[in-house]
PDB file of N, CA and C in Angstrom:
ATOM      1  N   MET A   1      54.191 265.094-132.437  1.00  0.00           N
ATOM      2  CA  MET A   1      54.293 264.109-133.412  1.00  0.00           C
ATOM      3  C   MET A   1      55.558 263.278-133.490  1.00  0.00           C
ATOM      4  N   ASP A   2      55.402 261.912-133.535  1.00  0.00           N
ATOM      5  CA  ASP A   2      56.476 261.120-133.370  1.00  0.00           C
ATOM      6  C   ASP A   2      56.984 260.675-134.846  1.00  0.00           C
ATOM      7  N   PHE A   3      58.220 261.010-135.120  1.00  0.00           N
ATOM      8  CA  PHE A   3      58.688 260.654-136.427  1.00  0.00           C
ATOM      9  C   PHE A   3      59.622 259.532-136.430  1.00  0.00           C
ATOM     10  N   ARG A   4      59.641 258.690-135.376  1.00  0.00           N
ATOM     11  CA  ARG A   4      60.523 257.696-135.292  1.00  0.00           C
ATOM     12  C   ARG A   4      59.936 256.513-136.205  1.00  0.00           C
ATOM     13  N   ILE A   5      60.958 255.680-136.719  1.00  0.00           N
ATOM     14  CA  ILE A   5      60.563 254.509-137.456  1.00  0.00           C
ATOM     15  C   ILE A   5      61.072 253.307-136.993  1.00  0.00           C
ATOM     16  N   THR A   6      60.317 252.240-136.922  1.00  0.00           N
ATOM     17  CA  THR A   6      61.005 250.965-136.386  1.00  0.00           C
ATOM     18  C   THR A   6      61.719 250.242-137.340  1.00  0.00           C
ATOM     19  N   GLU A   7      62.595 249.401-136.814  1.00  0.00           N
ATOM     20  CA  GLU A   7      63.414 248.666-137.806  1.00  0.00           C
ATOM     21  C   GLU A   7      62.676 247.781-138.822  1.00  0.00           C
ATOM     22  N   GLU A   8      61.458 247.282-138.185  1.00  0.00           N
ATOM     23  CA  GLU A   8      60.491 246.355-139.133  1.00  0.00           C
ATOM     24  C   GLU A   8      59.943 247.345-140.278  1.00  0.00           C
ATOM     25  N   GLU A   9      59.791 248.581-139.859  1.00  0.00           N
ATOM     26  CA  GLU A   9      59.304 249.504-141.025  1.00  0.00           C
ATOM     27  C   GLU A   9      60.532 249.774-141.893  1.00  0.00           C
ATOM     28  N   LEU A  10      61.591 249.909-141.373  1.00  0.00           N
ATOM     29  CA  LEU A  10      62.789 250.424-142.104  1.00  0.00           C
ATOM     30  C   LEU A  10      63.207 249.375-143.162  1.00  0.00           C
ATOM     31  N   ILE A  11      63.023 248.032-142.911  1.00  0.00           N
ATOM     32  CA  ILE A  11      63.481 247.144-143.846  1.00  0.00           C
ATOM     33  C   ILE A  11      62.626 247.156-145.049  1.00  0.00           C
ATOM     34  N   THR A  12      61.492 247.861-145.170  1.00  0.00           N
ATOM     35  CA  THR A  12      60.696 247.884-146.382  1.00  0.00           C
ATOM     36  C   THR A  12      61.362 248.834-147.289  1.00  0.00           C
ATOM     37  N   TYR A  13      62.393 249.668-147.004  1.00  0.00           N
ATOM     38  CA  TYR A  13      62.963 250.508-147.749  1.00  0.00           C
ATOM     39  C   TYR A  13      64.339 249.955-148.304  1.00  0.00           C
ATOM     40  N   ARG A  14      64.925 250.560-149.315  1.00  0.00           N
ATOM     41  CA  ARG A  14      66.255 250.005-149.975  1.00  0.00           C
ATOM     42  C   ARG A  14      67.392 250.771-149.438  1.00  0.00           C
ATOM     43  N   PHE A  15      67.184 252.143-149.012  1.00  0.00           N
ATOM     44  CA  PHE A  15      68.281 252.915-148.560  1.00  0.00           C
ATOM     45  C   PHE A  15      67.984 253.554-147.228  1.00  0.00           C
ATOM     46  N   VAL A  16      69.047 253.874-146.451  1.00  0.00           N
ATOM     47  CA  VAL A  16      68.809 254.546-145.213  1.00  0.00           C
ATOM     48  C   VAL A  16      70.046 255.447-145.079  1.00  0.00           C
ATOM     49  N   VAL A  17      69.905 256.643-144.556  1.00  0.00           N
ATOM     50  CA  VAL A  17      70.889 257.622-144.366  1.00  0.00           C
ATOM     51  C   VAL A  17      71.222 257.538-142.750  1.00  0.00           C
ATOM     52  N   ASN A  18      72.564 257.444-142.483  1.00  0.00           N
ATOM     53  CA  ASN A  18      72.934 257.424-141.012  1.00  0.00           C
ATOM     54  C   ASN A  18      73.751 258.777-140.735  1.00  0.00           C
ATOM     55  N   VAL A  19      73.096 259.644-140.056  1.00  0.00           N
ATOM     56  CA  VAL A  19      73.853 260.857-139.819  1.00  0.00           C
ATOM     57  C   VAL A  19      74.110 260.864-138.253  1.00  0.00           C
ATOM     58  N   GLN A  20      74.991 261.535-137.917  1.00  0.00           N
ATOM     59  CA  GLN A  20      75.499 261.716-136.415  1.00  0.00           C
ATOM     60  C   GLN A  20      75.206 263.111-136.018  1.00  0.00           C
ATOM     61  N   ASN A  21      75.431 263.071-134.620  1.00  0.00           N
ATOM     62  CA  ASN A  21      75.058 264.429-134.009  1.00  0.00           C
ATOM     63  C   ASN A  21      76.356 264.870-133.255  1.00  0.00           C
ATOM     64  N   ASN A  22      76.350 265.149-132.049  1.00  0.00           N
ATOM     65  CA  ASN A  22      77.534 265.648-131.251  1.00  0.00           C
ATOM     66  C   ASN A  22      78.365 264.502-130.863  1.00  0.00           C
ATOM     67  N   GLY A  23      78.113 263.241-131.228  1.00  0.00           N
ATOM     68  CA  GLY A  23      78.701 262.112-131.011  1.00  0.00           C
ATOM     69  C   GLY A  23      78.413 261.022-131.965  1.00  0.00           C
ATOM     70  N   PHE A  24      78.770 259.735-131.876  1.00  0.00           N
ATOM     71  CA  PHE A  24      78.321 258.761-132.728  1.00  0.00           C
ATOM     72  C   PHE A  24      76.993 258.445-132.642  1.00  0.00           C
ATOM     73  N   ALA A  25      76.251 257.977-133.695  1.00  0.00           N
ATOM     74  CA  ALA A  25      74.840 257.641-133.593  1.00  0.00           C
ATOM     75  C   ALA A  25      74.571 256.403-132.987  1.00  0.00           C
ATOM     76  N   ASP A  26      75.535 255.434-132.823  1.00  0.00           N
ATOM     77  CA  ASP A  26      75.536 254.144-132.132  1.00  0.00           C
ATOM     78  C   ASP A  26      74.343 253.151-132.764  1.00  0.00           C
ATOM     79  N   ARG A  27      74.041 253.503-133.933  1.00  0.00           N
ATOM     80  CA  ARG A  27      72.993 252.512-134.467  1.00  0.00           C
ATOM     81  C   ARG A  27      73.460 251.921-135.879  1.00  0.00           C
ATOM     82  N   LEU A  28      74.815 252.363-136.262  1.00  0.00           N
ATOM     83  CA  LEU A  28      75.157 251.793-137.574  1.00  0.00           C
ATOM     84  C   LEU A  28      75.193 250.300-137.736  1.00  0.00           C
ATOM     85  N   TRP A  29      75.625 249.662-136.569  1.00  0.00           N
ATOM     86  CA  TRP A  29      75.718 248.266-136.690  1.00  0.00           C
ATOM     87  C   TRP A  29      74.203 247.556-136.968  1.00  0.00           C
ATOM     88  N   ARG A  30      73.296 248.145-136.254  1.00  0.00           N
ATOM     89  CA  ARG A  30      71.896 247.781-136.519  1.00  0.00           C
ATOM     90  C   ARG A  30      71.454 247.949-137.916  1.00  0.00           C
ATOM     91  N   LEU A  31      71.676 249.111-138.554  1.00  0.00           N
ATOM     92  CA  LEU A  31      71.412 249.400-139.847  1.00  0.00           C
ATOM     93  C   LEU A  31      72.032 248.364-140.918  1.00  0.00           C
ATOM     94  N   LEU A  32      73.348 248.298-140.627  1.00  0.00           N
ATOM     95  CA  LEU A  32      74.070 247.343-141.504  1.00  0.00           C
ATOM     96  C   LEU A  32      73.495 246.024-141.467  1.00  0.00           C
ATOM     97  N   SER A  33      72.971 245.466-140.214  1.00  0.00           N
ATOM     98  CA  SER A  33      72.688 244.176-140.217  1.00  0.00           C
ATOM     99  C   SER A  33      71.360 244.018-140.976  1.00  0.00           C
ATOM    100  N   LEU A  34      70.622 245.112-141.345  1.00  0.00           N
ATOM    101  CA  LEU A  34      69.248 244.790-142.120  1.00  0.00           C
ATOM    102  C   LEU A  34      69.429 244.630-143.598  1.00  0.00           C
ATOM    103  N   GLY A  35      70.723 244.666-143.951  1.00  0.00           N
ATOM    104  CA  GLY A  35      70.997 244.482-145.412  1.00  0.00           C
ATOM    105  C   GLY A  35      70.505 245.517-146.374  1.00  0.00           C
ATOM    106  N   LEU A  36      70.380 246.679-145.756  1.00  0.00           N
ATOM    107  CA  LEU A  36      69.990 247.862-146.734  1.00  0.00           C
ATOM    108  C   LEU A  36      71.244 248.553-147.121  1.00  0.00           C
ATOM    109  N   VAL A  37      71.174 249.440-148.131  1.00  0.00           N
ATOM    110  CA  VAL A  37      72.338 250.272-148.486  1.00  0.00           C
ATOM    111  C   VAL A  37      72.360 251.366-147.656  1.00  0.00           C
ATOM    112  N   VAL A  38      73.343 251.546-146.750  1.00  0.00           N
ATOM    113  CA  VAL A  38      73.528 252.498-145.758  1.00  0.00           C
ATOM    114  C   VAL A  38      74.491 253.622-146.413  1.00  0.00           C
ATOM    115  N   PHE A  39      73.906 254.909-146.370  1.00  0.00           N
ATOM    116  CA  PHE A  39      74.515 256.052-146.632  1.00  0.00           C
ATOM    117  C   PHE A  39      75.132 256.588-145.306  1.00  0.00           C
ATOM    118  N   GLN A  40      76.528 256.426-145.218  1.00  0.00           N
ATOM    119  CA  GLN A  40      77.079 256.848-143.873  1.00  0.00           C
ATOM    120  C   GLN A  40      77.907 257.989-143.947  1.00  0.00           C
ATOM    121  N   GLU A  41      77.618 258.918-143.094  1.00  0.00           N
ATOM    122  CA  GLU A  41      78.318 260.301-142.972  1.00  0.00           C
ATOM    123  C   GLU A  41      79.725 259.952-142.534  1.00  0.00           C
ATOM    124  N   VAL A  42      80.770 260.565-143.212  1.00  0.00           N
ATOM    125  CA  VAL A  42      82.056 260.300-142.773  1.00  0.00           C
ATOM    126  C   VAL A  42      82.302 261.397-141.532  1.00  0.00           C
ATOM    127  N   HIS A  43      82.524 260.884-140.232  1.00  0.00           N
ATOM    128  CA  HIS A  43      82.431 261.739-139.165  1.00  0.00           C
ATOM    129  C   HIS A  43      83.591 261.408-138.223  1.00  0.00           C
ATOM    130  N   VAL A  44      83.977 262.304-137.371  1.00  0.00           N
ATOM    131  CA  VAL A  44      85.201 262.065-136.452  1.00  0.00           C
ATOM    132  C   VAL A  44      84.829 261.122-135.447  1.00  0.00           C
ATOM    133  N   PHE A  45      83.616 261.053-134.929  1.00  0.00           N
ATOM    134  CA  PHE A  45      83.304 260.116-133.911  1.00  0.00           C
ATOM    135  C   PHE A  45      82.945 258.733-134.411  1.00  0.00           C
ATOM    136  N   GLN A  46      83.741 257.788-133.920  1.00  0.00           N
ATOM    137  CA  GLN A  46      83.716 256.334-134.487  1.00  0.00           C
ATOM    138  C   GLN A  46      83.608 255.331-133.345  1.00  0.00           C
ATOM    139  N   GLU A  47      82.906 254.300-133.735  1.00  0.00           N
ATOM    140  CA  GLU A  47      82.892 253.121-132.804  1.00  0.00           C
ATOM    141  C   GLU A  47      84.131 252.256-133.163  1.00  0.00           C
ATOM    142  N   PHE A  48      84.458 251.213-132.184  1.00  0.00           N
ATOM    143  CA  PHE A  48      85.500 250.401-132.535  1.00  0.00           C
ATOM    144  C   PHE A  48      85.593 249.612-133.787  1.00  0.00           C
ATOM    145  N   TYR A  49      84.581 249.379-134.304  1.00  0.00           N
ATOM    146  CA  TYR A  49      84.541 248.457-135.548  1.00  0.00           C
ATOM    147  C   TYR A  49      84.636 249.299-136.888  1.00  0.00           C
ATOM    148  N   TYR A  50      84.622 250.549-136.837  1.00  0.00           N
ATOM    149  CA  TYR A  50      84.529 251.545-138.115  1.00  0.00           C
ATOM    150  C   TYR A  50      85.643 251.357-138.897  1.00  0.00           C
ATOM    151  N   GLU A  51      86.829 250.960-138.361  1.00  0.00           N
ATOM    152  CA  GLU A  51      88.095 250.739-139.209  1.00  0.00           C
ATOM    153  C   GLU A  51      87.999 249.591-140.036  1.00  0.00           C
ATOM    154  N   MET A  52      87.223 248.635-139.582  1.00  0.00           N
ATOM    155  CA  MET A  52      87.129 247.393-140.345  1.00  0.00           C
ATOM    156  C   MET A  52      86.065 247.479-141.437  1.00  0.00           C
ATOM    157  N   LEU A  53      85.351 248.561-141.561  1.00  0.00           N
ATOM    158  CA  LEU A  53      84.480 248.743-142.599  1.00  0.00           C
ATOM    159  C   LEU A  53      85.046 249.435-143.855  1.00  0.00           C
ATOM    160  N   THR A  54      84.585 249.083-144.937  1.00  0.00           N
ATOM    161  CA  THR A  54      85.245 249.577-146.214  1.00  0.00           C
ATOM    162  C   THR A  54      84.156 250.258-147.042  1.00  0.00           C
ATOM    163  N   PRO A  55      84.417 251.676-147.268  1.00  0.00           N
ATOM    164  CA  PRO A  55      83.575 252.356-148.131  1.00  0.00           C
ATOM    165  C   PRO A  55      83.273 251.730-149.414  1.00  0.00           C
ATOM    166  N   TRP A  56      82.057 251.759-149.934  1.00  0.00           N
ATOM    167  CA  TRP A  56      81.674 251.243-151.145  1.00  0.00           C
ATOM    168  C   TRP A  56      81.600 249.707-151.196  1.00  0.00           C
ATOM    169  N   VAL A  57      82.120 249.020-150.075  1.00  0.00           N
ATOM    170  CA  VAL A  57      81.971 247.536-149.969  1.00  0.00           C
ATOM    171  C   VAL A  57      80.803 247.329-148.859  1.00  0.00           C
ATOM    172  N   HIS A  58      80.810 248.166-147.650  1.00  0.00           N
ATOM    173  CA  HIS A  58      79.931 247.795-146.695  1.00  0.00           C
ATOM    174  C   HIS A  58      78.964 249.032-146.532  1.00  0.00           C
ATOM    175  N   PHE A  59      79.262 250.167-147.104  1.00  0.00           N
ATOM    176  CA  PHE A  59      78.305 251.271-147.036  1.00  0.00           C
ATOM    177  C   PHE A  59      78.814 252.333-148.067  1.00  0.00           C
ATOM    178  N   ILE A  60      77.912 253.332-148.330  1.00  0.00           N
ATOM    179  CA  ILE A  60      78.284 254.321-149.339  1.00  0.00           C
ATOM    180  C   ILE A  60      78.658 255.695-148.536  1.00  0.00           C
ATOM    181  N   PRO A  61      79.816 256.071-148.541  1.00  0.00           N
ATOM    182  CA  PRO A  61      80.140 257.316-147.845  1.00  0.00           C
ATOM    183  C   PRO A  61      79.478 258.609-148.241  1.00  0.00           C
ATOM    184  N   ILE A  62      79.131 259.367-147.324  1.00  0.00           N
ATOM    185  CA  ILE A  62      78.571 260.719-147.577  1.00  0.00           C
ATOM    186  C   ILE A  62      79.192 261.851-146.918  1.00  0.00           C
ATOM    187  N   ARG A  63      79.218 262.996-147.384  1.00  0.00           N
ATOM    188  CA  ARG A  63      80.055 264.102-146.674  1.00  0.00           C
ATOM    189  C   ARG A  63      79.094 264.581-145.512  1.00  0.00           C
ATOM    190  N   THR A  64      79.830 264.996-144.365  1.00  0.00           N
ATOM    191  CA  THR A  64      79.052 265.471-143.193  1.00  0.00           C
ATOM    192  C   THR A  64      77.924 266.386-143.444  1.00  0.00           C
ATOM    193  N   ASP A  65      78.265 267.300-144.591  1.00  0.00           N
ATOM    194  CA  ASP A  65      77.137 268.378-144.917  1.00  0.00           C
ATOM    195  C   ASP A  65      76.129 267.905-145.901  1.00  0.00           C
ATOM    196  N   LEU A  66      76.232 266.587-146.153  1.00  0.00           N
ATOM    197  CA  LEU A  66      75.275 265.941-146.992  1.00  0.00           C
ATOM    198  C   LEU A  66      75.173 266.522-148.433  1.00  0.00           C
ATOM    199  N   SER A  67      76.206 267.255-148.708  1.00  0.00           N
ATOM    200  CA  SER A  67      76.169 267.861-150.090  1.00  0.00           C
ATOM    201  C   SER A  67      76.228 266.915-151.254  1.00  0.00           C
ATOM    202  N   ASP A  68      76.666 265.780-151.076  1.00  0.00           N
ATOM    203  CA  ASP A  68      76.798 264.734-152.178  1.00  0.00           C
ATOM    204  C   ASP A  68      75.776 263.626-151.983  1.00  0.00           C
ATOM    205  N   LEU A  69      74.817 263.896-151.087  1.00  0.00           N
ATOM    206  CA  LEU A  69      73.746 262.710-150.849  1.00  0.00           C
ATOM    207  C   LEU A  69      72.975 262.470-152.074  1.00  0.00           C
ATOM    208  N   CYS A  70      72.548 263.456-152.924  1.00  0.00           N
ATOM    209  CA  CYS A  70      71.586 263.191-153.995  1.00  0.00           C
ATOM    210  C   CYS A  70      72.487 262.460-155.020  1.00  0.00           C
ATOM    211  N   GLU A  71      73.612 262.844-155.244  1.00  0.00           N
ATOM    212  CA  GLU A  71      74.527 262.365-156.168  1.00  0.00           C
ATOM    213  C   GLU A  71      74.712 260.732-155.863  1.00  0.00           C
ATOM    214  N   LYS A  72      74.870 260.501-154.614  1.00  0.00           N
ATOM    215  CA  LYS A  72      75.245 259.124-154.187  1.00  0.00           C
ATOM    216  C   LYS A  72      73.950 258.153-154.220  1.00  0.00           C
ATOM    217  N   VAL A  73      72.821 258.862-153.971  1.00  0.00           N
ATOM    218  CA  VAL A  73      71.599 258.148-154.045  1.00  0.00           C
ATOM    219  C   VAL A  73      71.269 257.768-155.532  1.00  0.00           C
ATOM    220  N   GLY A  74      71.589 258.831-156.362  1.00  0.00           N
ATOM    221  CA  GLY A  74      71.450 258.540-157.928  1.00  0.00           C
ATOM    222  C   GLY A  74      72.243 257.466-158.338  1.00  0.00           C
ATOM    223  N   TRP A  75      73.574 257.343-157.899  1.00  0.00           N
ATOM    224  CA  TRP A  75      74.434 256.240-158.264  1.00  0.00           C
ATOM    225  C   TRP A  75      73.870 254.897-157.774  1.00  0.00           C
ATOM    226  N   ALA A  76      73.367 254.858-156.561  1.00  0.00           N
ATOM    227  CA  ALA A  76      72.729 253.718-155.968  1.00  0.00           C
ATOM    228  C   ALA A  76      71.528 253.279-156.753  1.00  0.00           C
ATOM    229  N   LYS A  77      70.764 254.098-157.243  1.00  0.00           N
ATOM    230  CA  LYS A  77      69.474 253.920-157.986  1.00  0.00           C
ATOM    231  C   LYS A  77      69.799 253.324-159.378  1.00  0.00           C
ATOM    232  N   ASN A  78      70.901 253.912-160.010  1.00  0.00           N
ATOM    233  CA  ASN A  78      71.339 253.620-161.277  1.00  0.00           C
ATOM    234  C   ASN A  78      72.367 252.276-161.358  1.00  0.00           C
ATOM    235  N   ASN A  79      72.707 251.878-160.105  1.00  0.00           N
ATOM    236  CA  ASN A  79      73.529 250.642-159.934  1.00  0.00           C
ATOM    237  C   ASN A  79      72.888 249.717-158.933  1.00  0.00           C
ATOM    238  N   GLN A  80      71.737 249.128-159.217  1.00  0.00           N
ATOM    239  CA  GLN A  80      70.925 248.357-158.370  1.00  0.00           C
ATOM    240  C   GLN A  80      71.642 247.089-157.927  1.00  0.00           C
ATOM    241  N   GLU A  81      72.266 246.440-158.791  1.00  0.00           N
ATOM    242  CA  GLU A  81      73.073 245.154-158.432  1.00  0.00           C
ATOM    243  C   GLU A  81      74.236 245.375-157.452  1.00  0.00           C
ATOM    244  N   LYS A  82      75.030 246.488-157.789  1.00  0.00           N
ATOM    245  CA  LYS A  82      76.105 246.886-156.949  1.00  0.00           C
ATOM    246  C   LYS A  82      75.515 247.260-155.491  1.00  0.00           C
ATOM    247  N   SER A  83      74.466 248.062-155.483  1.00  0.00           N
ATOM    248  CA  SER A  83      73.873 248.460-154.317  1.00  0.00           C
ATOM    249  C   SER A  83      73.389 247.274-153.431  1.00  0.00           C
ATOM    250  N   ARG A  84      72.814 246.425-154.150  1.00  0.00           N
ATOM    251  CA  ARG A  84      72.316 245.127-153.425  1.00  0.00           C
ATOM    252  C   ARG A  84      73.533 244.366-152.862  1.00  0.00           C
ATOM    253  N   ILE A  85      74.688 244.285-153.379  1.00  0.00           N
ATOM    254  CA  ILE A  85      75.820 243.605-152.976  1.00  0.00           C
ATOM    255  C   ILE A  85      76.413 244.410-151.832  1.00  0.00           C
ATOM    256  N   ILE A  86      76.419 245.760-151.733  1.00  0.00           N
ATOM    257  CA  ILE A  86      76.931 246.530-150.669  1.00  0.00           C
ATOM    258  C   ILE A  86      76.001 246.095-149.400  1.00  0.00           C
ATOM    259  N   GLY A  87      74.605 246.074-149.639  1.00  0.00           N
ATOM    260  CA  GLY A  87      73.794 245.761-148.553  1.00  0.00           C
ATOM    261  C   GLY A  87      74.075 244.289-148.014  1.00  0.00           C
ATOM    262  N   GLU A  88      74.287 243.454-148.831  1.00  0.00           N
ATOM    263  CA  GLU A  88      74.575 242.129-148.454  1.00  0.00           C
ATOM    264  C   GLU A  88      75.970 242.103-147.698  1.00  0.00           C
ATOM    265  N   ASN A  89      76.904 242.754-148.126  1.00  0.00           N
ATOM    266  CA  ASN A  89      78.224 242.879-147.683  1.00  0.00           C
ATOM    267  C   ASN A  89      78.113 243.456-146.132  1.00  0.00           C
ATOM    268  N   ALA A  90      77.248 244.423-145.908  1.00  0.00           N
ATOM    269  CA  ALA A  90      76.981 244.988-144.753  1.00  0.00           C
ATOM    270  C   ALA A  90      76.409 244.150-143.756  1.00  0.00           C
ATOM    271  N   ARG A  91      75.395 243.337-144.212  1.00  0.00           N
ATOM    272  CA  ARG A  91      74.758 242.366-143.340  1.00  0.00           C
ATOM    273  C   ARG A  91      75.805 241.237-142.908  1.00  0.00           C
ATOM    274  N   ALA A  92      76.659 240.759-143.841  1.00  0.00           N
ATOM    275  CA  ALA A  92      77.581 239.739-143.709  1.00  0.00           C
ATOM    276  C   ALA A  92      78.584 240.096-142.595  1.00  0.00           C
ATOM    277  N   PHE A  93      78.910 241.440-142.882  1.00  0.00           N
ATOM    278  CA  PHE A  93      80.012 242.005-141.788  1.00  0.00           C
ATOM    279  C   PHE A  93      79.447 241.910-140.491  1.00  0.00           C
ATOM    280  N   VAL A  94      78.222 242.417-140.208  1.00  0.00           N
ATOM    281  CA  VAL A  94      77.749 242.285-138.781  1.00  0.00           C
ATOM    282  C   VAL A  94      77.629 240.883-138.356  1.00  0.00           C
ATOM    283  N   LEU A  95      77.235 240.044-139.160  1.00  0.00           N
ATOM    284  CA  LEU A  95      77.014 238.722-138.684  1.00  0.00           C
ATOM    285  C   LEU A  95      78.410 237.944-138.459  1.00  0.00           C
ATOM    286  N   ASN A  96      79.408 238.377-139.208  1.00  0.00           N
ATOM    287  CA  ASN A  96      80.733 237.626-139.187  1.00  0.00           C
ATOM    288  C   ASN A  96      81.678 238.265-138.237  1.00  0.00           C
ATOM    289  N   LYS A  97      81.602 239.618-138.051  1.00  0.00           N
ATOM    290  CA  LYS A  97      82.559 240.440-137.307  1.00  0.00           C
ATOM    291  C   LYS A  97      82.032 241.091-135.957  1.00  0.00           C
ATOM    292  N   LEU A  98      80.682 240.984-135.879  1.00  0.00           N
ATOM    293  CA  LEU A  98      80.152 241.722-134.764  1.00  0.00           C
ATOM    294  C   LEU A  98      79.272 240.706-133.750  1.00  0.00           C
ATOM    295  N   SER A  99      79.644 239.469-133.983  1.00  0.00           N
ATOM    296  CA  SER A  99      78.814 238.493-133.073  1.00  0.00           C
ATOM    297  C   SER A  99      79.215 238.813-131.623  1.00  0.00           C
ATOM    298  N   ILE A 100      78.445 238.337-130.766  1.00  0.00           N
ATOM    299  CA  ILE A 100      78.545 238.543-129.426  1.00  0.00           C
ATOM    300  C   ILE A 100      79.996 238.116-128.825  1.00  0.00           C
ATOM    301  N   ASP A 101      80.420 236.894-129.440  1.00  0.00           N
ATOM    302  CA  ASP A 101      81.602 236.246-129.139  1.00  0.00           C
ATOM    303  C   ASP A 101      82.868 237.170-129.561  1.00  0.00           C
ATOM    304  N   LYS A 102      82.727 237.774-130.750  1.00  0.00           N
ATOM    305  CA  LYS A 102      83.724 238.550-131.244  1.00  0.00           C
ATOM    306  C   LYS A 102      83.794 239.843-130.480  1.00  0.00           C
ATOM    307  N   VAL A 103      82.695 240.432-130.153  1.00  0.00           N
ATOM    308  CA  VAL A 103      82.685 241.793-129.384  1.00  0.00           C
ATOM    309  C   VAL A 103      83.217 241.547-127.960  1.00  0.00           C
ATOM    310  N   ASN A 104      82.893 240.318-127.285  1.00  0.00           N
ATOM    311  CA  ASN A 104      83.390 240.035-126.016  1.00  0.00           C
ATOM    312  C   ASN A 104      84.919 239.898-126.103  1.00  0.00           C
ATOM    313  N   LEU A 105      85.466 239.260-127.153  1.00  0.00           N
ATOM    314  CA  LEU A 105      86.898 239.066-127.415  1.00  0.00           C
ATOM    315  C   LEU A 105      87.640 240.504-127.508  1.00  0.00           C
ATOM    316  N   TYR A 106      86.924 241.354-128.288  1.00  0.00           N
ATOM    317  CA  TYR A 106      87.412 242.743-128.485  1.00  0.00           C
ATOM    318  C   TYR A 106      87.641 243.387-127.116  1.00  0.00           C
ATOM    319  N   ILE A 107      86.497 243.373-126.252  1.00  0.00           N
ATOM    320  CA  ILE A 107      86.471 244.029-124.966  1.00  0.00           C
ATOM    321  C   ILE A 107      87.621 243.442-124.011  1.00  0.00           C
ATOM    322  N   ALA A 108      87.646 242.042-124.130  1.00  0.00           N
ATOM    323  CA  ALA A 108      88.711 241.444-123.187  1.00  0.00           C
ATOM    324  C   ALA A 108      90.115 241.869-123.694  1.00  0.00           C
ATOM    325  N   LYS A 109      90.404 241.862-124.903  1.00  0.00           N
ATOM    326  CA  LYS A 109      91.650 242.476-125.439  1.00  0.00           C
ATOM    327  C   LYS A 109      91.980 243.800-125.081  1.00  0.00           C
ATOM    328  N   LEU A 110      90.962 244.681-125.167  1.00  0.00           N
ATOM    329  CA  LEU A 110      90.968 246.027-124.788  1.00  0.00           C
ATOM    330  C   LEU A 110      91.388 246.244-123.282  1.00  0.00           C
ATOM    331  N   VAL A 111      90.689 245.550-122.497  1.00  0.00           N
ATOM    332  CA  VAL A 111      90.951 245.677-121.032  1.00  0.00           C
ATOM    333  C   VAL A 111      92.400 245.122-120.731  1.00  0.00           C
ATOM    334  N   HIS A 112      92.793 243.935-121.327  1.00  0.00           N
ATOM    335  CA  HIS A 112      94.101 243.430-121.257  1.00  0.00           C
ATOM    336  C   HIS A 112      95.185 244.495-121.570  1.00  0.00           C
ATOM    337  N   ARG A 113      95.008 245.103-122.782  1.00  0.00           N
ATOM    338  CA  ARG A 113      96.073 246.033-123.281  1.00  0.00           C
ATOM    339  C   ARG A 113      95.900 247.372-122.330  1.00  0.00           C
ATOM    340  N   THR A 114      94.765 247.631-121.872  1.00  0.00           N
ATOM    341  CA  THR A 114      94.687 248.883-121.105  1.00  0.00           C
ATOM    342  C   THR A 114      95.502 248.527-119.632  1.00  0.00           C
ATOM    343  N   SER A 115      95.426 247.320-119.212  1.00  0.00           N
ATOM    344  CA  SER A 115      96.012 247.036-117.959  1.00  0.00           C
ATOM    345  C   SER A 115      97.536 246.955-118.157  1.00  0.00           C
ATOM    346  N   GLU A 116      97.876 246.460-119.343  1.00  0.00           N
ATOM    347  CA  GLU A 116      99.426 246.554-119.665  1.00  0.00           C
ATOM    348  C   GLU A 116      99.967 247.959-119.750  1.00  0.00           C
ATOM    349  N   LEU A 117      99.152 248.987-120.226  1.00  0.00           N
ATOM    350  CA  LEU A 117      99.631 250.369-120.218  1.00  0.00           C
ATOM    351  C   LEU A 117      99.681 250.838-118.803  1.00  0.00           C
ATOM    352  N   VAL A 118      98.813 250.527-117.977  1.00  0.00           N
ATOM    353  CA  VAL A 118      98.723 250.943-116.668  1.00  0.00           C
ATOM    354  C   VAL A 118     100.019 250.382-115.907  1.00  0.00           C
ATOM    355  N   SER A 119     100.100 249.125-116.019  1.00  0.00           N
ATOM    356  CA  SER A 119     101.277 248.538-115.442  1.00  0.00           C
ATOM    357  C   SER A 119     102.571 249.066-115.881  1.00  0.00           C
ATOM    358  N   PHE A 120     102.709 249.306-117.206  1.00  0.00           N
ATOM    359  CA  PHE A 120     104.068 249.961-117.617  1.00  0.00           C
ATOM    360  C   PHE A 120     104.113 251.256-117.167  1.00  0.00           C
ATOM    361  N   GLU A 121     102.959 252.072-117.061  1.00  0.00           N
ATOM    362  CA  GLU A 121     103.095 253.456-116.487  1.00  0.00           C
ATOM    363  C   GLU A 121     103.542 253.370-115.100  1.00  0.00           C
ATOM    364  N   SER A 122     103.018 252.439-114.387  1.00  0.00           N
ATOM    365  CA  SER A 122     103.430 252.295-112.872  1.00  0.00           C
ATOM    366  C   SER A 122     104.855 251.882-112.728  1.00  0.00           C
ATOM    367  N   GLN A 123     105.388 250.996-113.484  1.00  0.00           N
ATOM    368  CA  GLN A 123     106.757 250.732-113.581  1.00  0.00           C
ATOM    369  C   GLN A 123     107.625 251.819-113.802  1.00  0.00           C
ATOM    370  N   THR A 124     107.139 252.656-114.860  1.00  0.00           N
ATOM    371  CA  THR A 124     108.010 253.746-115.339  1.00  0.00           C
ATOM    372  C   THR A 124     108.134 254.866-114.083  1.00  0.00           C
ATOM    373  N   VAL A 125     106.899 255.019-113.472  1.00  0.00           N
ATOM    374  CA  VAL A 125     107.035 256.055-112.292  1.00  0.00           C
ATOM    375  C   VAL A 125     107.858 255.454-111.149  1.00  0.00           C
ATOM    376  N   LEU A 126     107.708 254.205-110.850  1.00  0.00           N
ATOM    377  CA  LEU A 126     108.634 253.688-109.821  1.00  0.00           C
ATOM    378  C   LEU A 126     110.119 253.626-110.118  1.00  0.00           C
ATOM    379  N   ASN A 127     110.323 253.364-111.269  1.00  0.00           N
ATOM    380  CA  ASN A 127     111.786 253.349-111.767  1.00  0.00           C
ATOM    381  C   ASN A 127     112.403 254.798-111.947  1.00  0.00           C
ATOM    382  N   ASP A 128     111.624 255.657-112.247  1.00  0.00           N
ATOM    383  CA  ASP A 128     112.137 257.117-112.355  1.00  0.00           C
ATOM    384  C   ASP A 128     112.099 257.779-111.061  1.00  0.00           C
ATOM    385  N   GLY A 129     111.438 257.394-110.140  1.00  0.00           N
ATOM    386  CA  GLY A 129     111.134 257.990-108.981  1.00  0.00           C
ATOM    387  C   GLY A 129     112.326 257.810-108.002  1.00  0.00           C
TER     388      GLY A 129
END
């Protein structure tokens, strides 16, 4: 039995829960782009843009053990306008911060900074040797 749901089917819902496994789920940006209210597990594994996200602005944080999920869903149901704004903020974040140009710029900066570290490390080894 196949329990997968397509993004086309997913947008018919108001809420979505994103839980991770032994690594990051790597679908958070797609869920945020749909404009839904995303309940995001606070997890140790993160993608590069996670630090730019703000809880209660772009997503609703939930504990890793999901013990507060019912409480948070209740809040979202009782605060429909605030929930709608969180979904809109999430969608705007993806459109404004995760465009292909911005992601390419991030990667270029990462490669450049990595090369600076390697160069610095090489110089340190040469000078200390």
